[in-house]
Amino acid sequence: MFLTTDEWIERVKTDMEELTPDWDAVMTRTGGGNIEQYIRAKWEESLKLQLLKAPEHLCEGKDISASLTPQPRQDGSGRVVLPDDMLRMIRFQMKGWRRPVTRFFDRQHPRTALQYNPYSRGGTEKPAAVITTDNEGHTVLDYYALPPYVRLHEIKSAVYVPLPKEQNGGYDIVPLLGDSVCYLCAASVYDILGQNDKAALMLGHVLFS
């Protein structure tokens, strides 16, 4: 569902008005202009947070497998450099794997250390992927692994969610996710105003927390 940014802002204000018994008093104390300013400041951040936690079918991920270049290692593992605008990886699968990776580890995850051992790392039946940063500051995905005898590494699928960005003056968001983003944005505004009870009321309507 595409709405202009101004229309999304109005939806947040409408949610706040409908769920806040003393809305007129809130507007009087803070000034209507300030409310809108706070909403605009928190809108994209709220969208990012919900995209990070929402299920795949609500995120409208993009398959970028054709634009990634695997860098294979002799032991069957490999690396790909991810796009600069990546917010979240949803799915990654090399040709030859029986299943995709849908849960990604970072450098601190206890299972990451297992990937450095050829006997405990992921393989074709239960592959693994670690998202980290290389020496040049690029976000990279290390995948584990294909059999060492496989020389040609090919990506079957690589679905990611890009950082949200205003396009054509607005944002195209799945309706259910859009509702949740609006409530989270409203909660963030009430946090700014120091009204914790009203923030908690808004958070009660957020789907992915």
C-alpha atoms as a PDB file:
ATOM      1  CA  MET A   1       0.000   0.000   0.000  1.00  0.00           C
ATOM      2  CA  PHE A   2       1.586   3.228  -1.135  1.00  0.00           C
ATOM      3  CA  LEU A   3       0.998   6.395   0.872  1.00  0.00           C
ATOM      4  CA  THR A   4       2.854   9.652   0.724  1.00  0.00           C
ATOM      5  CA  THR A   5       4.997  10.485   3.725  1.00  0.00           C
ATOM      6  CA  ASP A   6       2.501  13.159   4.737  1.00  0.00           C
ATOM      7  CA  GLU A   7      -0.301  10.586   4.635  1.00  0.00           C
ATOM      8  CA  TRP A   8       1.671   8.177   6.829  1.00  0.00           C
ATOM      9  CA  ILE A   9       2.297  11.009   9.299  1.00  0.00           C
ATOM     10  CA  GLU A  10      -1.415  11.748   9.406  1.00  0.00           C
ATOM     11  CA  ARG A  11      -2.148   8.079  10.083  1.00  0.00           C
ATOM     12  CA  VAL A  12       0.163   8.155  13.104  1.00  0.00           C
ATOM     13  CA  LYS A  13      -1.583  11.279  14.398  1.00  0.00           C
ATOM     14  CA  THR A  14      -4.965   9.619  13.861  1.00  0.00           C
ATOM     15  CA  ASP A  15      -3.910   6.542  15.859  1.00  0.00           C
ATOM     16  CA  MET A  16      -2.675   8.750  18.688  1.00  0.00           C
ATOM     17  CA  GLU A  17      -5.898  10.734  18.713  1.00  0.00           C
ATOM     18  CA  GLU A  18      -8.117   7.645  18.700  1.00  0.00           C
ATOM     19  CA  LEU A  19      -6.268   5.878  21.534  1.00  0.00           C
ATOM     20  CA  THR A  20      -5.477   8.882  23.732  1.00  0.00           C
ATOM     21  CA  PRO A  21      -8.417   9.993  25.910  1.00  0.00           C
ATOM     22  CA  ASP A  22      -6.886  13.412  26.646  1.00  0.00           C
ATOM     23  CA  TRP A  23      -5.627  14.031  23.108  1.00  0.00           C
ATOM     24  CA  ASP A  24      -6.740  17.665  23.101  1.00  0.00           C
ATOM     25  CA  ALA A  25      -4.767  18.287  26.277  1.00  0.00           C
ATOM     26  CA  VAL A  26      -1.704  16.604  24.793  1.00  0.00           C
ATOM     27  CA  MET A  27      -1.926  18.789  21.703  1.00  0.00           C
ATOM     28  CA  THR A  28      -2.337  21.898  23.834  1.00  0.00           C
ATOM     29  CA  ARG A  29       0.668  21.118  26.045  1.00  0.00           C
ATOM     30  CA  THR A  30       3.024  20.177  23.235  1.00  0.00           C
ATOM     31  CA  GLY A  31       1.728  22.140  20.281  1.00  0.00           C
ATOM     32  CA  GLY A  32       0.427  20.380  17.174  1.00  0.00           C
ATOM     33  CA  GLY A  33       3.463  21.372  15.147  1.00  0.00           C
ATOM     34  CA  ASN A  34       5.830  19.742  17.593  1.00  0.00           C
ATOM     35  CA  ILE A  35       3.874  16.489  17.477  1.00  0.00           C
ATOM     36  CA  GLU A  36       4.242  16.326  13.702  1.00  0.00           C
ATOM     37  CA  GLN A  37       7.937  17.183  13.941  1.00  0.00           C
ATOM     38  CA  TYR A  38       8.504  14.326  16.379  1.00  0.00           C
ATOM     39  CA  ILE A  39       6.565  11.896  14.183  1.00  0.00           C
ATOM     40  CA  ARG A  40       8.645  12.781  11.146  1.00  0.00           C
ATOM     41  CA  ALA A  41      11.833  12.332  13.145  1.00  0.00           C
ATOM     42  CA  LYS A  42      10.807   8.830  14.282  1.00  0.00           C
ATOM     43  CA  TRP A  43       8.941   7.523  11.241  1.00  0.00           C
ATOM     44  CA  GLU A  44      11.764   5.910   9.264  1.00  0.00           C
ATOM     45  CA  GLU A  45      13.447   4.557  12.396  1.00  0.00           C
ATOM     46  CA  SER A  46      10.175   2.868  13.371  1.00  0.00           C
ATOM     47  CA  LEU A  47       9.875   1.375   9.901  1.00  0.00           C
ATOM     48  CA  LYS A  48      13.391  -0.037  10.107  1.00  0.00           C
ATOM     49  CA  LEU A  49      12.709  -1.640  13.478  1.00  0.00           C
ATOM     50  CA  GLN A  50       9.567  -3.362  12.234  1.00  0.00           C
ATOM     51  CA  LEU A  51      11.235  -4.561   9.033  1.00  0.00           C
ATOM     52  CA  LEU A  52      13.974  -6.145  11.137  1.00  0.00           C
ATOM     53  CA  LYS A  53      11.466  -8.204  13.114  1.00  0.00           C
ATOM     54  CA  ALA A  54       8.543  -8.834  10.780  1.00  0.00           C
ATOM     55  CA  PRO A  55       8.059 -12.204   9.035  1.00  0.00           C
ATOM     56  CA  GLU A  56       9.353 -12.548   5.506  1.00  0.00           C
ATOM     57  CA  HIS A  57       5.984 -12.308   3.762  1.00  0.00           C
ATOM     58  CA  LEU A  58       5.421  -8.807   5.151  1.00  0.00           C
ATOM     59  CA  CYS A  59       8.833  -7.456   4.184  1.00  0.00           C
ATOM     60  CA  GLU A  60       8.682  -7.850   0.402  1.00  0.00           C
ATOM     61  CA  GLY A  61      12.321  -8.866   0.158  1.00  0.00           C
ATOM     62  CA  LYS A  62      14.310  -8.656  -3.069  1.00  0.00           C
ATOM     63  CA  ASP A  63      16.311 -11.480  -4.622  1.00  0.00           C
ATOM     64  CA  ILE A  64      19.799 -10.201  -5.402  1.00  0.00           C
ATOM     65  CA  SER A  65      21.427 -13.530  -6.247  1.00  0.00           C
ATOM     66  CA  ALA A  66      22.237 -12.393  -9.786  1.00  0.00           C
ATOM     67  CA  SER A  67      24.169  -9.361  -8.526  1.00  0.00           C
ATOM     68  CA  LEU A  68      26.340 -11.187  -5.962  1.00  0.00           C
ATOM     69  CA  THR A  69      29.686 -12.762  -6.775  1.00  0.00           C
ATOM     70  CA  PRO A  70      30.792 -15.729  -4.627  1.00  0.00           C
ATOM     71  CA  GLN A  71      34.408 -15.762  -3.513  1.00  0.00           C
ATOM     72  CA  PRO A  72      35.080 -19.483  -2.918  1.00  0.00           C
ATOM     73  CA  ARG A  73      37.745 -20.824  -0.595  1.00  0.00           C
ATOM     74  CA  GLN A  74      39.602 -24.098  -1.045  1.00  0.00           C
ATOM     75  CA  ASP A  75      37.839 -25.668   1.935  1.00  0.00           C
ATOM     76  CA  GLY A  76      34.388 -25.251   0.361  1.00  0.00           C
ATOM     77  CA  SER A  77      33.351 -22.158   2.280  1.00  0.00           C
ATOM     78  CA  GLY A  78      33.105 -18.762   0.654  1.00  0.00           C
ATOM     79  CA  ARG A  79      32.135 -15.129   0.938  1.00  0.00           C
ATOM     80  CA  VAL A  80      29.891 -12.618  -0.798  1.00  0.00           C
ATOM     81  CA  VAL A  81      29.883  -8.852  -0.358  1.00  0.00           C
ATOM     82  CA  LEU A  82      26.381  -7.626   0.448  1.00  0.00           C
ATOM     83  CA  PRO A  83      24.791  -4.386  -0.823  1.00  0.00           C
ATOM     84  CA  ASP A  84      25.506  -1.196   1.077  1.00  0.00           C
ATOM     85  CA  ASP A  85      21.784  -0.614   1.576  1.00  0.00           C
ATOM     86  CA  MET A  86      21.132  -3.952   3.268  1.00  0.00           C
ATOM     87  CA  LEU A  87      18.949  -3.811   6.343  1.00  0.00           C
ATOM     88  CA  ARG A  88      18.341  -7.534   6.746  1.00  0.00           C
ATOM     89  CA  MET A  89      19.035 -10.831   5.002  1.00  0.00           C
ATOM     90  CA  ILE A  90      16.014 -13.106   4.839  1.00  0.00           C
ATOM     91  CA  ARG A  91      17.225 -16.137   2.902  1.00  0.00           C
ATOM     92  CA  PHE A  92      20.447 -17.376   1.331  1.00  0.00           C
ATOM     93  CA  GLN A  93      21.113 -20.622  -0.493  1.00  0.00           C
ATOM     94  CA  MET A  94      23.990 -21.936  -2.581  1.00  0.00           C
ATOM     95  CA  LYS A  95      23.360 -24.393  -5.416  1.00  0.00           C
ATOM     96  CA  GLY A  96      24.116 -27.819  -3.950  1.00  0.00           C
ATOM     97  CA  TRP A  97      22.593 -27.102  -0.536  1.00  0.00           C
ATOM     98  CA  ARG A  98      19.504 -29.067   0.478  1.00  0.00           C
ATOM     99  CA  ARG A  99      17.952 -26.074   2.228  1.00  0.00           C
ATOM    100  CA  PRO A 100      18.409 -22.313   2.529  1.00  0.00           C
ATOM    101  CA  VAL A 101      19.807 -20.441   5.505  1.00  0.00           C
ATOM    102  CA  THR A 102      17.125 -18.295   7.133  1.00  0.00           C
ATOM    103  CA  ARG A 103      18.861 -17.629  10.438  1.00  0.00           C
ATOM    104  CA  PHE A 104      22.103 -15.700  10.200  1.00  0.00           C
ATOM    105  CA  PHE A 105      24.852 -15.557  12.809  1.00  0.00           C
ATOM    106  CA  ASP A 106      27.056 -12.604  13.700  1.00  0.00           C
ATOM    107  CA  ARG A 107      30.634 -12.616  14.936  1.00  0.00           C
ATOM    108  CA  GLN A 108      29.581 -12.981  18.582  1.00  0.00           C
ATOM    109  CA  HIS A 109      27.206 -15.900  18.139  1.00  0.00           C
ATOM    110  CA  PRO A 110      28.513 -19.094  19.801  1.00  0.00           C
ATOM    111  CA  ARG A 111      27.895 -21.123  16.629  1.00  0.00           C
ATOM    112  CA  THR A 112      30.135 -18.850  14.586  1.00  0.00           C
ATOM    113  CA  ALA A 113      33.255 -20.368  16.122  1.00  0.00           C
ATOM    114  CA  LEU A 114      32.067 -23.809  14.959  1.00  0.00           C
ATOM    115  CA  GLN A 115      32.312 -22.691  11.341  1.00  0.00           C
ATOM    116  CA  TYR A 116      36.106 -22.457  11.551  1.00  0.00           C
ATOM    117  CA  ASN A 117      36.331 -26.209  12.136  1.00  0.00           C
ATOM    118  CA  PRO A 118      35.768 -28.434   9.045  1.00  0.00           C
ATOM    119  CA  TYR A 119      34.174 -31.111  11.260  1.00  0.00           C
ATOM    120  CA  SER A 120      31.642 -28.857  12.988  1.00  0.00           C
ATOM    121  CA  ARG A 121      30.795 -26.291  10.342  1.00  0.00           C
ATOM    122  CA  GLY A 122      27.657 -26.182   8.247  1.00  0.00           C
ATOM    123  CA  GLY A 123      27.403 -28.302   5.117  1.00  0.00           C
ATOM    124  CA  THR A 124      25.035 -29.217   2.338  1.00  0.00           C
ATOM    125  CA  GLU A 125      22.439 -30.688   4.729  1.00  0.00           C
ATOM    126  CA  LYS A 126      22.592 -27.971   7.388  1.00  0.00           C
ATOM    127  CA  PRO A 127      24.353 -24.940   5.931  1.00  0.00           C
ATOM    128  CA  ALA A 128      25.288 -21.857   7.934  1.00  0.00           C
ATOM    129  CA  ALA A 129      25.983 -18.219   7.171  1.00  0.00           C
ATOM    130  CA  VAL A 130      27.730 -15.520   9.196  1.00  0.00           C
ATOM    131  CA  ILE A 131      27.183 -11.828   8.478  1.00  0.00           C
ATOM    132  CA  THR A 132      30.061  -9.613   9.484  1.00  0.00           C
ATOM    133  CA  THR A 133      32.251  -6.754   8.240  1.00  0.00           C
ATOM    134  CA  ASP A 134      35.456  -7.074   6.244  1.00  0.00           C
ATOM    135  CA  ASN A 135      38.617  -5.010   6.622  1.00  0.00           C
ATOM    136  CA  GLU A 136      37.314  -2.402   4.205  1.00  0.00           C
ATOM    137  CA  GLY A 137      34.104  -1.857   6.135  1.00  0.00           C
ATOM    138  CA  HIS A 138      31.823  -3.753   3.742  1.00  0.00           C
ATOM    139  CA  THR A 139      29.091  -5.997   5.089  1.00  0.00           C
ATOM    140  CA  VAL A 140      29.871  -9.552   4.009  1.00  0.00           C
ATOM    141  CA  LEU A 141      28.295 -12.977   4.293  1.00  0.00           C
ATOM    142  CA  ASP A 142      30.519 -16.000   4.876  1.00  0.00           C
ATOM    143  CA  TYR A 143      28.785 -19.233   3.887  1.00  0.00           C
ATOM    144  CA  TYR A 144      29.514 -22.776   5.097  1.00  0.00           C
ATOM    145  CA  ALA A 145      29.853 -24.802   3.103  1.00  0.00           C
ATOM    146  CA  LEU A 146      30.036 -26.794  -0.096  1.00  0.00           C
ATOM    147  CA  PRO A 147      32.193 -29.918  -0.494  1.00  0.00           C
ATOM    148  CA  PRO A 148      35.841 -28.930  -1.148  1.00  0.00           C
ATOM    149  CA  TYR A 149      35.777 -30.657  -4.522  1.00  0.00           C
ATOM    150  CA  VAL A 150      33.112 -28.223  -5.789  1.00  0.00           C
ATOM    151  CA  ARG A 151      35.028 -25.555  -7.682  1.00  0.00           C
ATOM    152  CA  LEU A 152      32.159 -23.569  -9.157  1.00  0.00           C
ATOM    153  CA  HIS A 153      30.167 -21.811  -6.453  1.00  0.00           C
ATOM    154  CA  GLU A 154      26.764 -20.569  -7.604  1.00  0.00           C
ATOM    155  CA  ILE A 155      24.052 -18.817  -5.619  1.00  0.00           C
ATOM    156  CA  LYS A 156      20.546 -20.232  -5.872  1.00  0.00           C
ATOM    157  CA  SER A 157      18.769 -17.475  -3.934  1.00  0.00           C
ATOM    158  CA  ALA A 158      19.698 -14.457  -1.853  1.00  0.00           C
ATOM    159  CA  VAL A 159      16.772 -12.436  -0.533  1.00  0.00           C
ATOM    160  CA  TYR A 160      17.335  -9.250   1.410  1.00  0.00           C
ATOM    161  CA  VAL A 161      15.424  -6.270   2.749  1.00  0.00           C
ATOM    162  CA  PRO A 162      16.957  -2.918   1.789  1.00  0.00           C
ATOM    163  CA  LEU A 163      17.023   0.075   4.078  1.00  0.00           C
ATOM    164  CA  PRO A 164      13.699   1.901   3.759  1.00  0.00           C
ATOM    165  CA  LYS A 165      13.895   4.958   1.572  1.00  0.00           C
ATOM    166  CA  GLU A 166      11.293   7.472   0.524  1.00  0.00           C
ATOM    167  CA  GLN A 167      10.417   6.956  -3.132  1.00  0.00           C
ATOM    168  CA  ASN A 168       8.071   9.104  -5.202  1.00  0.00           C
ATOM    169  CA  GLY A 169       7.308  11.105  -2.094  1.00  0.00           C
ATOM    170  CA  GLY A 170       6.229   8.200   0.084  1.00  0.00           C
ATOM    171  CA  TYR A 171       6.566   4.580   1.209  1.00  0.00           C
ATOM    172  CA  ASP A 172       5.002   1.380  -0.111  1.00  0.00           C
ATOM    173  CA  ILE A 173       4.309  -0.862   2.900  1.00  0.00           C
ATOM    174  CA  VAL A 174       2.200  -3.977   3.381  1.00  0.00           C
ATOM    175  CA  PRO A 175      -0.946  -2.755   5.228  1.00  0.00           C
ATOM    176  CA  LEU A 176      -0.546  -4.947   8.319  1.00  0.00           C
ATOM    177  CA  LEU A 177       3.071  -3.883   8.703  1.00  0.00           C
ATOM    178  CA  GLY A 178       2.162  -0.249   8.062  1.00  0.00           C
ATOM    179  CA  ASP A 179      -0.332  -0.310  10.941  1.00  0.00           C
ATOM    180  CA  SER A 180       2.309  -1.657  13.295  1.00  0.00           C
ATOM    181  CA  VAL A 181       4.873   0.931  12.170  1.00  0.00           C
ATOM    182  CA  CYS A 182       2.403   3.723  12.902  1.00  0.00           C
ATOM    183  CA  TYR A 183       1.791   2.504  16.439  1.00  0.00           C
ATOM    184  CA  LEU A 184       5.517   2.081  17.103  1.00  0.00           C
ATOM    185  CA  CYS A 185       6.155   5.582  15.810  1.00  0.00           C
ATOM    186  CA  ALA A 186       3.426   6.930  18.085  1.00  0.00           C
ATOM    187  CA  ALA A 187       4.979   5.123  21.060  1.00  0.00           C
ATOM    188  CA  SER A 188       8.365   6.661  20.248  1.00  0.00           C
ATOM    189  CA  VAL A 189       6.827  10.139  20.180  1.00  0.00           C
ATOM    190  CA  TYR A 190       5.241   9.617  23.579  1.00  0.00           C
ATOM    191  CA  ASP A 191       8.637   8.467  24.885  1.00  0.00           C
ATOM    192  CA  ILE A 192      10.079  11.772  23.705  1.00  0.00           C
ATOM    193  CA  LEU A 193       7.304  13.583  25.553  1.00  0.00           C
ATOM    194  CA  GLY A 194       7.974  11.585  28.712  1.00  0.00           C
ATOM    195  CA  GLN A 195       4.477  10.083  28.704  1.00  0.00           C
ATOM    196  CA  ASN A 196       5.336   6.481  29.440  1.00  0.00           C
ATOM    197  CA  ASP A 197       1.769   5.334  30.076  1.00  0.00           C
ATOM    198  CA  LYS A 198       0.658   6.498  26.648  1.00  0.00           C
ATOM    199  CA  ALA A 199       3.764   4.992  25.048  1.00  0.00           C
ATOM    200  CA  ALA A 200       2.884   1.648  26.629  1.00  0.00           C
ATOM    201  CA  LEU A 201      -0.668   1.947  25.277  1.00  0.00           C
ATOM    202  CA  MET A 202       0.669   2.379  21.746  1.00  0.00           C
ATOM    203  CA  LEU A 203       3.167  -0.463  22.144  1.00  0.00           C
ATOM    204  CA  GLY A 204       0.274  -2.762  22.983  1.00  0.00           C
ATOM    205  CA  HIS A 205      -0.765  -2.500  19.331  1.00  0.00           C
ATOM    206  CA  VAL A 206       2.705  -3.104  17.865  1.00  0.00           C
ATOM    207  CA  LEU A 207       2.892  -6.535  16.263  1.00  0.00           C
ATOM    208  CA  PHE A 208       6.638  -7.146  16.229  1.00  0.00           C
ATOM    209  CA  SER A 209       8.507  -6.201  19.384  1.00  0.00           C
END
